[in-house]
N, C-alpha and C. Protein backbone atom coordinates (compact mmCIF):
# COMPACT_ATOMS: atom_id res chain seq x y z
N MET A 1 127.75 108.37 112.70
CA MET A 1 126.13 109.35 113.01
C MET A 1 125.74 108.49 113.99
N LYS A 2 124.82 108.64 115.31
CA LYS A 2 124.15 107.85 115.82
C LYS A 2 122.33 108.37 116.17
N LYS A 3 121.78 107.52 115.95
CA LYS A 3 120.21 107.45 115.89
C LYS A 3 119.59 106.64 116.73
N THR A 4 118.62 107.37 117.44
CA THR A 4 117.63 106.47 118.46
C THR A 4 116.09 106.51 117.42
N ILE A 5 115.76 105.37 117.74
CA ILE A 5 114.70 105.20 116.70
C ILE A 5 113.68 104.55 117.88
N THR A 6 112.31 104.68 117.29
CA THR A 6 111.27 103.63 118.30
C THR A 6 110.95 102.58 117.21
N CYS A 7 111.14 101.73 116.87
CA CYS A 7 110.43 100.77 116.41
C CYS A 7 109.02 100.38 116.16
N THR A 8 108.63 100.66 114.95
CA THR A 8 106.94 100.38 114.52
C THR A 8 106.71 99.16 114.18
N VAL A 9 107.23 98.28 114.25
CA VAL A 9 107.13 96.83 113.62
C VAL A 9 106.32 96.61 114.57
N CYS A 10 106.46 96.01 115.54
CA CYS A 10 105.11 95.23 116.66
C CYS A 10 104.95 96.24 117.36
N PRO A 11 104.08 95.52 118.26
CA PRO A 11 103.39 96.59 119.62
C PRO A 11 104.44 96.87 120.80
N ARG A 12 105.61 96.23 120.84
CA ARG A 12 106.38 96.63 121.61
C ARG A 12 107.02 97.97 122.01
N GLY A 13 107.27 98.51 120.78
CA GLY A 13 107.87 99.35 120.38
C GLY A 13 109.49 100.05 121.10
N CYS A 14 110.42 99.07 120.65
CA CYS A 14 111.65 99.22 121.24
C CYS A 14 112.14 100.37 120.90
N GLU A 15 113.05 101.05 122.10
CA GLU A 15 113.67 102.24 121.78
C GLU A 15 114.77 101.50 121.10
N ILE A 16 115.37 101.78 119.96
CA ILE A 16 116.67 101.03 119.13
C ILE A 16 117.78 102.34 118.89
N GLU A 17 118.98 102.32 119.07
CA GLU A 17 119.85 102.75 119.01
C GLU A 17 120.71 102.18 118.04
N ALA A 18 121.25 103.07 116.94
CA ALA A 18 121.75 102.94 115.99
C ALA A 18 122.92 103.56 116.06
N GLU A 19 124.00 102.90 115.45
CA GLU A 19 125.39 104.18 115.26
C GLU A 19 126.07 103.49 113.99
N TYR A 20 125.84 104.70 112.94
CA TYR A 20 126.57 103.98 111.65
C TYR A 20 127.35 105.17 111.17
N THR A 21 128.42 104.65 109.93
CA THR A 21 129.18 105.31 109.24
C THR A 21 128.66 105.20 107.60
N SER A 22 128.35 104.30 107.65
CA SER A 22 127.89 103.34 106.32
C SER A 22 127.15 102.24 106.51
N ALA A 23 126.53 102.00 105.17
CA ALA A 23 125.54 100.47 105.06
C ALA A 23 126.50 99.26 105.91
N ALA A 24 128.07 99.59 105.37
CA ALA A 24 128.48 97.89 105.99
C ALA A 24 128.63 98.35 107.37
N ASP A 25 128.91 99.26 107.98
CA ASP A 25 129.24 99.53 109.06
C ASP A 25 128.09 100.43 110.29
N ILE A 26 127.30 99.30 110.77
CA ILE A 26 126.19 99.84 111.59
C ILE A 26 126.01 98.93 112.66
N ALA A 27 125.76 99.66 113.56
CA ALA A 27 125.65 98.62 114.95
C ALA A 27 124.37 98.89 115.87
N VAL A 28 123.41 98.33 115.82
CA VAL A 28 121.85 98.38 116.24
C VAL A 28 122.35 97.54 117.66
N LYS A 29 121.43 98.57 118.79
CA LYS A 29 121.31 97.50 119.98
C LYS A 29 119.85 98.23 120.57
N GLY A 30 119.42 97.45 121.27
CA GLY A 30 118.18 97.77 122.23
C GLY A 30 116.77 97.15 121.35
N HIS A 31 116.90 96.16 120.26
CA HIS A 31 115.88 95.76 119.46
C HIS A 31 115.31 94.25 120.53
N SER A 32 114.30 93.90 120.45
CA SER A 32 113.93 92.59 120.95
C SER A 32 113.92 91.26 120.09
N CYS A 33 113.84 92.00 118.69
CA CYS A 33 113.52 91.06 117.60
C CYS A 33 114.24 91.24 116.44
N PRO A 34 114.57 90.09 115.83
CA PRO A 34 115.16 90.48 114.31
C PRO A 34 114.62 91.61 113.58
N ARG A 35 113.40 91.46 113.16
CA ARG A 35 112.59 92.29 112.75
C ARG A 35 112.76 93.80 113.22
N GLY A 36 113.34 94.18 114.60
CA GLY A 36 113.63 95.29 114.40
C GLY A 36 114.71 95.52 114.56
N GLU A 37 115.58 94.91 114.25
CA GLU A 37 116.82 95.28 113.70
C GLU A 37 117.04 95.50 112.40
N ARG A 38 116.60 94.88 111.41
CA ARG A 38 116.37 95.30 110.44
C ARG A 38 115.54 96.74 109.85
N TYR A 39 114.36 96.92 110.67
CA TYR A 39 113.81 98.00 111.03
C TYR A 39 114.53 99.17 110.83
N ALA A 40 115.25 99.25 112.24
CA ALA A 40 116.22 100.40 112.44
C ALA A 40 117.26 100.28 111.32
N LYS A 41 117.93 99.15 110.49
CA LYS A 41 119.19 99.65 109.69
C LYS A 41 118.61 99.97 108.40
N ASP A 42 117.02 99.76 108.52
CA ASP A 42 116.22 100.38 106.95
C ASP A 42 116.15 101.52 107.28
N GLU A 43 115.71 102.19 108.34
CA GLU A 43 114.97 103.70 108.75
C GLU A 43 116.78 104.46 108.48
N CYS A 44 117.88 103.83 109.07
CA CYS A 44 119.06 104.89 109.17
C CYS A 44 119.38 104.94 107.51
N LEU A 45 119.22 103.94 106.71
CA LEU A 45 120.04 103.87 105.54
C LEU A 45 118.96 104.30 104.43
N ALA A 46 117.91 103.87 104.31
CA ALA A 46 116.90 104.04 103.15
C ALA A 46 115.21 103.64 104.10
N PRO A 47 114.76 104.94 104.42
CA PRO A 47 113.81 105.27 105.25
C PRO A 47 112.49 105.09 104.16
N LYS A 48 111.57 104.04 104.88
CA LYS A 48 110.24 103.69 103.72
C LYS A 48 108.96 104.30 104.34
N ARG A 49 108.28 104.61 103.99
CA ARG A 49 106.52 105.19 104.48
C ARG A 49 105.37 104.45 103.65
N VAL A 50 104.34 103.85 103.79
CA VAL A 50 103.23 103.86 102.99
C VAL A 50 102.77 105.28 102.81
N PHE A 51 102.55 105.50 101.60
CA PHE A 51 102.04 106.75 101.01
C PHE A 51 100.27 106.56 101.33
N THR A 52 99.80 107.37 101.98
CA THR A 52 98.17 107.41 101.88
C THR A 52 97.73 109.03 101.24
N SER A 53 96.43 109.07 100.68
CA SER A 53 96.17 110.12 100.02
C SER A 53 94.68 110.09 99.50
N SER A 54 94.14 110.82 98.99
CA SER A 54 93.07 110.87 98.41
C SER A 54 92.90 111.04 97.03
N VAL A 55 92.02 110.81 96.30
CA VAL A 55 92.07 111.19 94.63
C VAL A 55 90.59 111.55 94.30
N ARG A 56 90.37 112.18 93.14
CA ARG A 56 88.89 112.49 92.91
C ARG A 56 88.04 111.41 92.49
N ILE A 57 87.01 111.30 92.51
CA ILE A 57 86.09 110.09 92.19
C ILE A 57 84.79 110.56 91.39
N ASP A 58 84.43 110.27 90.49
CA ASP A 58 82.81 110.29 89.72
C ASP A 58 82.15 109.47 90.39
N ALA A 59 81.49 109.42 91.49
CA ALA A 59 80.28 108.42 92.01
C ALA A 59 79.27 108.92 92.76
N PRO A 60 78.29 108.64 92.78
CA PRO A 60 77.53 109.23 93.73
C PRO A 60 77.12 109.14 94.76
N GLY A 61 77.39 110.76 95.35
CA GLY A 61 77.16 110.61 96.77
C GLY A 61 78.90 111.01 97.43
N ARG A 62 79.97 110.81 96.48
CA ARG A 62 81.52 111.16 96.96
C ARG A 62 82.09 111.86 96.22
N ARG A 63 83.14 112.76 96.54
CA ARG A 63 83.92 113.56 95.46
C ARG A 63 85.20 112.70 95.66
N MET A 64 85.70 112.57 96.40
CA MET A 64 87.04 111.58 97.05
C MET A 64 86.99 110.03 97.37
N LEU A 65 88.29 109.61 97.02
CA LEU A 65 88.37 108.13 97.32
C LEU A 65 89.38 107.85 98.04
N PRO A 66 89.58 107.31 99.38
CA PRO A 66 90.86 107.40 100.17
C PRO A 66 91.89 106.60 99.09
N VAL A 67 93.07 106.31 99.23
CA VAL A 67 94.10 105.89 98.41
C VAL A 67 95.02 105.26 99.37
N ARG A 68 96.01 104.15 99.26
CA ARG A 68 97.17 103.89 99.62
C ARG A 68 98.40 103.30 98.65
N THR A 69 99.48 103.07 99.11
CA THR A 69 100.32 102.69 98.56
C THR A 69 100.15 100.97 99.40
N SER A 70 100.65 99.99 98.30
CA SER A 70 100.30 98.59 98.41
C SER A 70 101.46 97.94 99.38
N ALA A 71 102.50 99.03 99.69
CA ALA A 71 103.76 98.54 99.84
C ALA A 71 104.87 99.95 100.35
N PRO A 72 105.39 99.98 101.22
CA PRO A 72 105.86 101.29 101.81
C PRO A 72 106.83 101.74 100.44
N VAL A 73 107.10 102.79 99.93
CA VAL A 73 108.12 103.51 99.21
C VAL A 73 108.91 104.69 99.86
N ALA A 74 109.99 104.82 99.47
CA ALA A 74 111.25 105.74 99.76
C ALA A 74 110.17 106.87 100.08
N LYS A 75 110.64 107.31 101.46
CA LYS A 75 110.40 108.57 101.97
C LYS A 75 110.62 110.04 101.34
N ASP A 76 111.52 109.94 100.39
CA ASP A 76 111.89 110.96 99.15
C ASP A 76 111.08 111.04 98.39
N MET A 77 110.17 109.74 98.16
CA MET A 77 109.00 109.77 97.11
C MET A 77 107.74 110.27 97.63
N LEU A 78 107.51 110.75 98.69
CA LEU A 78 106.23 111.11 99.55
C LEU A 78 105.63 112.35 98.75
N ILE A 79 106.29 113.21 98.39
CA ILE A 79 106.02 114.54 98.12
C ILE A 79 105.88 114.61 96.37
N PRO A 80 106.34 113.94 95.61
CA PRO A 80 106.08 113.54 94.19
C PRO A 80 104.72 112.53 94.32
N CYS A 81 104.50 111.52 94.87
CA CYS A 81 103.58 110.66 95.25
C CYS A 81 102.26 111.29 95.36
N ALA A 82 102.24 112.80 96.68
CA ALA A 82 101.17 113.60 96.66
C ALA A 82 100.89 114.47 95.46
N GLU A 83 101.99 114.93 94.40
CA GLU A 83 101.73 115.74 93.53
C GLU A 83 100.99 114.82 92.17
N ALA A 84 101.44 113.41 92.06
CA ALA A 84 100.65 112.74 91.03
C ALA A 84 99.43 112.39 91.44
N ALA A 85 99.09 112.17 92.65
CA ALA A 85 97.94 111.80 92.99
C ALA A 85 96.86 112.97 93.03
N HIS A 86 97.18 113.70 93.35
CA HIS A 86 96.56 115.16 92.96
C HIS A 86 95.78 115.67 91.46
N GLY A 87 96.22 114.67 90.93
CA GLY A 87 95.81 115.07 89.26
C GLY A 87 95.14 113.27 89.13
N ILE A 88 94.66 112.79 89.78
CA ILE A 88 94.44 111.50 89.42
C ILE A 88 92.70 111.74 89.56
N ARG A 89 91.81 111.41 88.52
CA ARG A 89 90.23 110.87 88.67
C ARG A 89 89.79 109.74 88.17
N VAL A 90 89.06 109.00 89.27
CA VAL A 90 88.63 107.45 89.13
C VAL A 90 87.21 107.88 88.64
N GLU A 91 86.87 107.03 87.99
CA GLU A 91 85.28 107.07 87.18
C GLU A 91 84.69 105.64 87.69
N GLY A 92 83.30 105.53 87.82
CA GLY A 92 82.71 104.71 88.31
C GLY A 92 82.83 103.55 89.54
N HIS A 93 82.50 102.46 89.71
CA HIS A 93 82.36 101.62 91.19
C HIS A 93 84.01 101.49 91.09
N VAL A 94 84.31 101.35 92.72
CA VAL A 94 85.60 100.82 92.97
C VAL A 94 85.60 99.83 94.52
N ASN A 95 86.60 98.89 94.26
CA ASN A 95 86.22 98.10 95.78
C ASN A 95 87.72 98.11 96.11
N VAL A 96 87.54 97.95 97.62
CA VAL A 96 88.54 98.10 98.13
C VAL A 96 89.77 97.33 97.81
N GLY A 97 91.28 97.65 97.61
CA GLY A 97 92.05 97.08 96.97
C GLY A 97 92.08 96.66 95.67
N ASP A 98 91.05 97.76 94.56
CA ASP A 98 91.43 97.87 93.50
C ASP A 98 92.42 98.59 93.29
N VAL A 99 93.51 98.28 92.23
CA VAL A 99 94.32 98.81 91.83
C VAL A 99 94.09 100.07 91.09
N ILE A 100 94.45 101.26 91.54
CA ILE A 100 94.52 102.85 90.63
C ILE A 100 95.16 103.10 89.97
N ARG A 101 96.56 102.99 90.15
CA ARG A 101 97.80 102.84 88.98
C ARG A 101 98.81 101.96 89.53
N ARG A 102 99.05 101.05 88.63
CA ARG A 102 100.22 100.17 88.65
C ARG A 102 101.40 100.73 89.28
N ASP A 103 102.53 99.98 89.86
CA ASP A 103 103.76 100.87 89.77
C ASP A 103 103.74 102.28 89.79
N PHE A 104 103.05 102.47 90.72
CA PHE A 104 102.81 104.09 91.36
C PHE A 104 104.39 104.95 90.92
N LEU A 105 104.64 105.75 89.97
CA LEU A 105 105.77 106.59 89.96
C LEU A 105 106.94 105.79 90.08
N GLY A 106 107.00 104.64 89.36
CA GLY A 106 108.20 103.46 89.47
C GLY A 106 108.30 103.32 91.10
N THR A 107 107.62 103.25 91.79
CA THR A 107 108.26 102.92 93.05
C THR A 107 108.20 101.28 93.11
N GLY A 108 107.67 100.52 92.47
CA GLY A 108 107.34 99.33 92.84
C GLY A 108 106.14 98.98 93.77
N ALA A 109 105.36 100.02 94.06
CA ALA A 109 104.10 99.77 94.47
C ALA A 109 102.96 100.23 93.94
N ASP A 110 101.96 99.31 94.05
CA ASP A 110 100.39 99.91 93.73
C ASP A 110 99.89 100.72 94.51
N LEU A 111 99.11 101.59 93.72
CA LEU A 111 98.01 102.93 94.25
C LEU A 111 96.99 102.29 94.21
N VAL A 112 96.44 101.53 95.65
CA VAL A 112 95.30 100.89 95.75
C VAL A 112 94.12 101.73 96.43
N ALA A 113 92.82 101.07 96.40
CA ALA A 113 91.63 102.01 96.81
C ALA A 113 91.72 101.38 97.99
N SER A 114 91.56 102.39 99.13
CA SER A 114 91.26 101.99 100.66
C SER A 114 89.81 102.05 100.88
N MET A 115 88.98 102.03 100.10
CA MET A 115 87.47 101.82 100.80
C MET A 115 86.95 101.61 99.34
N THR A 116 85.41 101.06 99.62
CA THR A 116 84.73 100.33 98.62
C THR A 116 83.65 101.71 98.12
N LEU A 117 83.43 102.25 96.80
CA LEU A 117 82.47 102.85 96.41
C LEU A 117 81.65 102.37 95.48
């Protein structure tokens, strides 16, 4: 299988070409740094994204609190994360970076506040 990937690890935005049949058989070219090579391999074999959303909050003047995961999660977990976030309600004062849910849905990443309220 062949795939062209635009690297997002650094500002260069290298166009990387990956050709692979399995995790053991993957060839990558077009990257300018080792991080780009790792990114392309991960993107082909196990793509991940930082999950961002909003949850309900009981706070004066606000109804929603922006949240994100503390680390990228498997791309196929984005919909389940969105469904779970829909049911979360936070009370009181929250600081940016406060953990809303530890190990969110078993992803290994915490769901954290993206704003102080």
